[in-house]
Protein backbone atom coordinates (compact mmCIF):
# COMPACT_ATOMS: atom_id res chain seq x y z
CA MET A 1 0.00 0.00 0.00
CA THR A 2 1.25 3.48 -0.82
CA ARG A 3 1.80 5.93 2.02
CA PRO A 4 -1.24 7.83 3.32
CA ALA A 5 -1.73 11.56 2.93
CA ASN A 6 -4.14 14.29 3.98
CA PHE A 7 -5.85 17.00 1.96
CA ALA A 8 -7.04 20.09 3.83
CA LEU A 9 -9.39 22.63 2.27
CA PRO A 10 -12.11 25.01 3.45
CA GLY A 11 -15.70 23.82 3.22
CA ASP A 12 -17.17 21.07 1.07
CA ILE A 13 -14.86 19.46 -1.48
CA THR A 14 -17.84 18.88 -3.81
CA THR A 15 -18.43 22.63 -4.19
CA LEU A 16 -18.89 23.44 -7.89
CA THR A 17 -15.96 25.68 -8.73
CA GLY A 18 -12.87 24.94 -10.79
CA GLY A 19 -10.57 24.83 -7.77
CA TYR A 20 -12.79 22.49 -5.80
CA LEU A 21 -13.34 20.31 -8.86
CA TYR A 22 -9.57 20.02 -9.18
CA ASP A 23 -9.20 19.07 -5.51
CA HIS A 24 -12.04 16.54 -5.67
CA GLN A 25 -10.73 14.83 -8.79
CA LEU A 26 -7.17 14.80 -7.44
CA VAL A 27 -8.22 13.16 -4.17
CA GLN A 28 -10.21 10.56 -6.09
CA GLY A 29 -7.29 9.95 -8.45
CA LEU A 30 -4.87 9.41 -5.56
CA ARG A 31 -7.32 7.02 -3.90
CA ASP A 32 -7.81 5.12 -7.17
CA GLN A 33 -4.06 4.58 -7.25
CA GLY A 34 -4.19 2.98 -3.81
CA ARG A 35 -3.18 5.91 -1.62
CA PRO A 36 -5.33 6.47 1.48
CA VAL A 37 -6.26 10.16 1.53
CA GLN A 38 -8.14 11.79 4.39
CA VAL A 39 -9.99 15.00 3.54
CA VAL A 40 -9.74 17.57 6.33
CA GLN A 41 -12.64 20.02 6.07
CA LEU A 42 -11.46 23.38 7.40
CA PRO A 43 -13.96 26.16 8.21
CA ASP A 44 -15.56 27.57 5.06
CA SER A 45 -14.93 31.18 6.08
CA PHE A 46 -11.46 31.17 4.51
CA PRO A 47 -9.74 33.21 3.19
CA THR A 48 -11.20 35.70 5.69
CA PRO A 49 -11.80 33.61 8.84
CA ASP A 50 -12.58 35.10 12.22
CA ASP A 51 -10.34 34.27 15.19
CA ARG A 52 -12.44 31.28 16.19
CA ASP A 53 -12.31 29.67 12.73
CA MET A 54 -8.58 30.38 12.45
CA ALA A 55 -7.92 28.64 15.77
CA ARG A 56 -10.11 25.70 14.73
CA ALA A 57 -8.23 25.29 11.44
CA ILE A 58 -4.85 25.39 13.15
CA ASP A 59 -6.00 22.79 15.68
CA GLN A 60 -7.13 20.52 12.84
CA LEU A 61 -3.76 20.82 11.10
CA ARG A 62 -1.76 20.36 14.32
CA ALA A 63 -3.63 17.10 14.94
CA LEU A 64 -2.27 15.53 11.76
CA PRO A 65 0.56 13.01 12.23
CA ALA A 66 4.15 14.02 11.49
CA ASP A 67 4.69 11.00 9.22
CA GLN A 68 1.93 11.92 6.74
CA PRO A 69 2.10 14.85 4.30
CA VAL A 70 -0.78 17.29 4.07
CA ILE A 71 -1.76 19.16 0.93
CA ILE A 72 -3.35 22.46 1.94
CA ASP A 73 -5.53 24.17 -0.65
CA GLY A 74 -4.44 27.73 -1.35
CA LEU A 75 -7.82 29.22 -0.44
CA ALA A 76 -6.88 28.46 3.17
CA PHE A 77 -3.10 28.12 2.98
CA GLY A 78 -2.40 31.72 2.01
CA ALA A 79 -4.56 33.09 4.82
CA LEU A 80 -3.41 30.91 7.73
CA ASP A 81 -1.61 32.56 10.62
CA THR A 82 2.08 32.10 9.78
CA LYS A 83 3.39 31.60 13.31
CA ALA A 84 0.70 29.01 14.05
CA LEU A 85 1.25 27.26 10.70
CA ALA A 86 4.91 26.81 11.59
CA SER A 87 3.84 24.61 14.52
CA VAL A 88 2.14 22.03 12.26
CA ARG A 89 4.09 18.76 12.44
CA ALA A 90 2.90 17.23 9.15
CA PRO A 91 5.05 18.02 6.09
CA ILE A 92 3.16 20.70 4.17
CA VAL A 93 2.52 20.77 0.42
CA ALA A 94 0.74 23.92 -0.76
CA MET A 95 -1.78 23.68 -3.62
CA ILE A 96 -1.90 27.17 -5.16
CA HIS A 97 -4.55 27.48 -7.87
CA HIS A 98 -3.86 31.21 -7.99
CA PRO A 99 -2.47 33.48 -5.27
CA LEU A 100 -5.10 34.98 -3.00
CA ALA A 101 -3.88 38.55 -3.32
CA GLN A 102 -4.40 38.39 -7.10
CA GLU A 103 -8.17 37.98 -6.73
CA SER A 104 -10.12 40.83 -8.32
CA ASP A 105 -12.11 43.43 -6.39
CA LEU A 106 -10.21 43.00 -3.11
CA PRO A 107 -9.90 46.01 -0.78
CA ASP A 108 -6.31 47.28 -0.82
CA ASP A 109 -5.68 46.46 2.83
CA LEU A 110 -6.91 42.88 2.43
CA ALA A 111 -4.88 42.35 -0.75
CA ASP A 112 -1.76 43.64 1.02
CA HIS A 113 -2.39 41.40 4.04
CA LEU A 114 -2.91 38.30 1.88
CA LEU A 115 0.19 39.05 -0.19
CA ARG A 116 2.38 39.27 2.92
CA THR A 117 0.80 36.22 4.58
CA GLU A 118 0.98 34.00 1.52
CA ARG A 119 4.61 34.96 0.85
CA ALA A 120 5.51 34.06 4.43
CA ASN A 121 3.51 30.81 4.41
CA LEU A 122 5.07 29.63 1.16
CA ARG A 123 8.44 29.56 2.94
CA LEU A 124 6.99 26.92 5.27
CA ALA A 125 5.86 24.57 2.50
CA ARG A 126 8.12 21.64 1.61
CA HIS A 127 6.77 21.82 -1.93
CA VAL A 128 4.21 23.77 -3.95
CA LEU A 129 1.77 22.38 -6.51
CA VAL A 130 0.35 24.65 -9.22
CA PRO A 131 -1.98 23.99 -12.17
CA SER A 132 -0.14 26.02 -14.82
CA PRO A 133 3.18 27.55 -15.90
CA HIS A 134 1.58 30.97 -15.41
CA THR A 135 1.00 30.34 -11.70
CA ARG A 136 4.50 28.87 -11.32
CA ASP A 137 6.06 31.95 -12.90
CA MET A 138 4.02 34.26 -10.67
CA LEU A 139 5.16 32.44 -7.53
CA ILE A 140 8.78 32.68 -8.63
CA GLU A 141 8.65 36.35 -9.62
CA ARG A 142 6.32 37.84 -6.99
CA TYR A 143 6.54 35.41 -4.06
CA ASP A 144 10.22 34.37 -4.21
CA VAL A 145 9.48 30.65 -4.30
CA PRO A 146 12.48 28.69 -5.65
CA ALA A 147 11.67 27.06 -8.99
CA ASP A 148 12.84 23.64 -7.81
CA ARG A 149 10.18 23.66 -5.08
CA ILE A 150 7.30 24.04 -7.56
CA THR A 151 5.67 21.30 -9.61
CA ILE A 152 3.06 21.87 -12.31
CA ALA A 153 0.20 19.38 -12.03
CA ARG A 154 -2.06 20.37 -14.89
CA PRO A 155 -5.74 19.55 -14.38
CA GLY A 156 -6.99 16.42 -16.05
CA THR A 157 -10.12 15.85 -18.06
CA LYS A 158 -12.76 13.22 -17.55
CA ALA A 159 -13.01 10.42 -20.07
CA ARG A 160 -16.54 10.74 -21.43
CA GLN A 161 -18.60 8.76 -23.87
CA PRO A 162 -19.48 10.99 -26.84
CA ARG A 163 -23.03 12.32 -26.55
CA GLN A 164 -25.08 12.66 -29.69
CA VAL A 165 -26.56 16.13 -29.23
CA ARG A 166 -27.68 18.37 -32.08
CA LYS A 167 -26.34 21.90 -32.30
CA ALA A 168 -28.86 24.46 -31.14
CA HIS A 169 -30.46 26.92 -33.55
CA PRO A 170 -29.94 29.80 -33.42
CA ALA A 171 -26.29 29.28 -32.48
CA LEU A 172 -25.74 28.80 -28.76
CA ILE A 173 -22.98 30.79 -27.04
CA LEU A 174 -22.10 28.96 -23.81
CA SER A 175 -20.31 30.54 -20.86
CA VAL A 176 -19.35 28.46 -17.81
CA GLY A 177 -17.81 29.91 -14.67
CA ILE A 178 -18.73 30.69 -11.09
CA LEU A 179 -20.97 33.75 -10.86
CA HIS A 180 -18.22 35.95 -9.44
CA PRO A 181 -16.94 39.36 -10.61
CA ARG A 182 -13.62 37.80 -11.65
CA LYS A 183 -15.31 35.75 -14.36
CA GLY A 184 -16.43 38.84 -16.30
CA HIS A 185 -19.98 37.72 -17.04
CA ASP A 186 -20.97 41.40 -16.92
CA VAL A 187 -18.57 42.11 -19.80
CA LEU A 188 -20.04 39.21 -21.77
CA VAL A 189 -23.56 40.59 -21.29
CA GLN A 190 -22.32 43.97 -22.51
CA ALA A 191 -20.70 42.40 -25.58
CA LEU A 192 -23.77 40.34 -26.43
CA GLY A 193 -25.82 43.53 -26.40
CA MET A 194 -23.79 44.72 -29.42
CA LEU A 195 -24.80 41.75 -31.58
CA GLY A 196 -28.44 42.53 -32.21
CA ASP A 197 -28.14 42.11 -35.98
CA LEU A 198 -27.10 38.45 -35.61
CA GLU A 199 -29.05 35.34 -34.63
CA TRP A 200 -27.81 33.68 -31.44
CA GLN A 201 -28.78 32.63 -27.93
CA ALA A 202 -26.61 32.50 -24.81
CA GLN A 203 -26.49 30.48 -21.60
CA ILE A 204 -24.39 31.54 -18.59
CA VAL A 205 -23.82 28.59 -16.27
CA GLY A 206 -22.12 28.80 -12.88
CA ASN A 207 -22.47 28.28 -9.17
CA PRO A 208 -23.60 31.55 -7.49
CA TRP A 209 -20.86 33.13 -5.38
CA ASP A 210 -23.02 35.65 -3.55
CA ASP A 211 -26.55 36.99 -3.90
CA ALA A 212 -25.46 40.57 -4.56
CA HIS A 213 -23.47 39.70 -7.67
CA VAL A 214 -26.20 37.41 -9.00
CA THR A 215 -28.69 40.26 -8.58
CA ARG A 216 -26.33 42.59 -10.44
CA LEU A 217 -26.04 40.16 -13.34
CA GLN A 218 -29.81 39.70 -13.46
CA ASP A 219 -30.25 43.48 -13.59
CA LEU A 220 -27.69 43.82 -16.40
CA ILE A 221 -29.48 41.18 -18.43
CA ALA A 222 -32.88 42.76 -17.79
CA ARG A 223 -31.56 46.16 -18.98
CA SER A 224 -29.86 44.72 -22.06
CA PRO A 225 -31.76 45.29 -25.32
CA LEU A 226 -31.12 41.61 -26.07
CA GLY A 227 -31.73 40.27 -22.59
CA ASP A 228 -34.46 37.93 -23.79
CA ARG A 229 -31.78 35.92 -25.62
CA ILE A 230 -29.56 35.51 -22.53
CA THR A 231 -30.27 32.91 -19.84
CA LEU A 232 -28.54 33.16 -16.48
CA ALA A 233 -28.83 29.44 -15.78
CA GLY A 234 -26.81 29.37 -12.56
CA ARG A 235 -25.99 25.92 -11.27
CA VAL A 236 -27.10 23.00 -13.46
CA SER A 237 -26.69 19.23 -13.26
CA ASP A 238 -23.69 17.63 -14.94
CA ASP A 239 -25.98 15.92 -17.47
CA ARG A 240 -27.53 19.27 -18.38
CA LEU A 241 -24.10 20.89 -18.65
CA GLN A 242 -22.85 18.16 -20.98
CA ASP A 243 -25.90 18.65 -23.17
CA LEU A 244 -25.20 22.40 -23.31
CA TYR A 245 -21.59 21.76 -24.34
CA GLY A 246 -22.91 19.51 -27.10
CA GLN A 247 -25.51 22.03 -28.27
CA ALA A 248 -23.15 25.03 -28.22
CA SER A 249 -21.37 26.48 -31.23
CA VAL A 250 -19.04 28.81 -29.31
CA PHE A 251 -17.62 28.87 -25.78
CA ALA A 252 -17.14 32.36 -24.31
CA LEU A 253 -15.70 33.51 -20.98
CA ALA A 254 -14.76 37.16 -20.41
CA THR A 255 -12.60 36.33 -17.41
CA ARG A 256 -10.54 38.99 -15.64
CA TYR A 257 -8.04 36.45 -14.28
CA GLU A 258 -7.39 32.70 -14.39
CA GLY A 259 -4.73 30.66 -12.64
CA TYR A 260 -5.65 27.92 -15.10
CA GLY A 261 -9.30 27.58 -16.10
CA ILE A 262 -10.56 23.99 -16.16
CA VAL A 263 -13.61 25.01 -18.19
CA PHE A 264 -11.36 25.77 -21.16
CA ASP A 265 -10.18 22.16 -21.20
CA GLU A 266 -13.81 21.06 -21.05
CA ALA A 267 -14.62 23.27 -24.02
CA LEU A 268 -11.64 21.93 -25.97
CA SER A 269 -12.64 18.34 -25.23
CA HIS A 270 -16.06 19.14 -26.75
CA GLY A 271 -14.47 20.69 -29.83
CA LEU A 272 -15.75 24.20 -29.13
CA PRO A 273 -13.97 27.26 -30.49
CA ILE A 274 -13.24 29.67 -27.64
CA VAL A 275 -13.64 33.41 -27.24
CA SER A 276 -11.98 34.70 -24.09
CA THR A 277 -9.36 37.11 -22.78
CA THR A 278 -5.60 37.36 -22.42
CA ALA A 279 -5.88 37.35 -18.62
CA GLY A 280 -3.63 35.19 -16.48
CA ALA A 281 -3.10 31.64 -17.69
CA VAL A 282 -5.66 31.78 -20.52
CA PRO A 283 -3.12 32.25 -23.37
CA GLY A 284 -1.19 29.24 -22.10
CA THR A 285 -4.34 27.13 -21.81
CA VAL A 286 -6.23 27.98 -25.02
CA PRO A 287 -4.24 27.10 -28.16
CA ALA A 288 -3.90 30.03 -30.56
CA ASP A 289 -5.61 28.16 -33.39
CA ALA A 290 -8.56 27.14 -31.17
CA GLY A 291 -9.72 30.55 -29.99
CA LEU A 292 -9.75 34.32 -30.13
CA LEU A 293 -8.45 36.20 -27.10
CA VAL A 294 -8.98 39.89 -26.37
CA ALA A 295 -7.95 42.22 -23.56
CA PRO A 296 -9.91 41.86 -20.30
CA ASP A 297 -12.77 44.32 -19.73
CA ASP A 298 -13.00 45.22 -23.44
CA GLY A 299 -16.62 44.51 -24.31
CA ALA A 300 -16.32 45.92 -27.84
CA ALA A 301 -13.34 43.66 -28.68
CA LEU A 302 -15.16 40.67 -27.19
CA ALA A 303 -18.21 41.48 -29.34
CA ASP A 304 -16.00 41.66 -32.46
CA ALA A 305 -14.49 38.25 -31.68
CA LEU A 306 -17.91 36.71 -31.12
CA ARG A 307 -19.16 38.30 -34.33
CA ARG A 308 -16.38 36.69 -36.33
CA MET A 309 -17.00 33.27 -34.78
CA LEU A 310 -20.73 33.52 -35.50
CA THR A 311 -20.58 34.89 -39.04
CA ASP A 312 -17.50 33.22 -40.57
CA VAL A 313 -18.52 29.57 -40.64
CA SER A 314 -15.28 28.24 -42.15
CA PHE A 315 -13.24 30.22 -39.59
CA ARG A 316 -15.34 28.78 -36.76
CA GLU A 317 -15.04 25.24 -38.10
CA ARG A 318 -11.23 25.52 -38.38
CA HIS A 319 -11.05 26.66 -34.78
CA ALA A 320 -13.45 23.90 -33.72
CA ASP A 321 -11.23 21.28 -35.41
CA ALA A 322 -8.16 22.69 -33.66
CA ALA A 323 -10.00 22.68 -30.33
CA ARG A 324 -11.02 19.05 -30.85
CA GLN A 325 -7.43 18.01 -31.60
CA ALA A 326 -6.14 19.89 -28.55
CA GLY A 327 -8.80 18.22 -26.42
CA LEU A 328 -7.62 14.78 -27.47
CA ALA A 329 -4.11 15.57 -26.21
CA LEU A 330 -5.18 16.75 -22.75
CA PRO A 331 -3.98 14.77 -19.70
CA SER A 332 -6.32 12.60 -17.66
CA TRP A 333 -6.90 12.97 -13.93
CA ASP A 334 -4.83 9.78 -13.51
CA ASP A 335 -1.92 11.66 -15.06
CA THR A 336 -2.43 14.55 -12.62
CA ALA A 337 -2.63 12.18 -9.65
CA ARG A 338 0.61 10.42 -10.67
CA ILE A 339 2.47 13.74 -10.73
CA VAL A 340 1.16 14.67 -7.28
CA ALA A 341 1.90 11.18 -5.91
CA ARG A 342 5.56 11.56 -6.88
CA VAL A 343 5.70 14.91 -5.10
CA LEU A 344 4.20 13.42 -1.94
CA ASP A 345 6.68 10.55 -1.93
CA ASP A 346 9.62 12.86 -2.61
CA VAL A 347 8.60 15.13 0.25
CA MET A 348 8.52 12.20 2.66
CA ASP A 349 11.80 10.77 1.38
CA ALA A 350 13.70 14.03 1.55
CA PRO A 351 15.37 15.05 4.84
CA ALA A 352 13.51 17.75 6.76
CA GLN A 353 14.88 21.22 6.12
């Protein structure tokens, strides 16, 4: 039997966001390979816990045995009290999807606090896992993490049986991403409002982050001259989501930042041409011949890219073919788990620093 490990993260590991999906699939992949993995559910108030939740999280981590590594998800890791974290006996592996201080719409004082805390905490990690070269480079350049202490474990994709679903008419533009300001759904609604002379429909799918932002998106759609063509679907079942991927002609996400973006791999695996932005890891995730990328927060440029995808059928089909080929080359979650398993074993085999 392979050596056991622990995986600590705030809240429910089945939460429907890209980061939690990554964690859930990774834990399952490690277990499928015979490694016992205990999930440690930290308080869900991270990354802004109160004193009581901070103390509870530290107690949970201190209780872990010294002979088992613990992967700590970055949503909690970067916000943990540094002095208390140093007292954890278990060898620590940090899983940084994207640094906390790089989140959009943070108050300046909170962003500064998270930057300092995460930099300090990263010095305590035996190793750091990241989903993309972009995140690795950011940790090296802005957080002073040595390159040899970082391993890229790119997200996998699920092996799926092809579903025979007819393309929707008029053409369906599909956007998938948590209903959070960072995902830029407001920019997408703005861009769609500039395409009134074309035939299309749009579905925005994503787990609600907070009621205030959902209300804002609903208001934007209601005020749009083309709001009757846009559906804010929110959270949907996996079967429904797979049907939407099959029915769609274009995948669009006006994201303001991505540490990776698992939904892009999902779109590629469905052979969908992509319209998105140059933010964060997107250019390294979406092949140049599979999508059109524009600057973040540029609704007019996003509208132009969508227009070309909708009106130039041969252009769209070439990008769809390239997306399909790229999707076939994506790693599986077993591949991701094997990379992480090697890191865990290396951490335990290496002498303590």
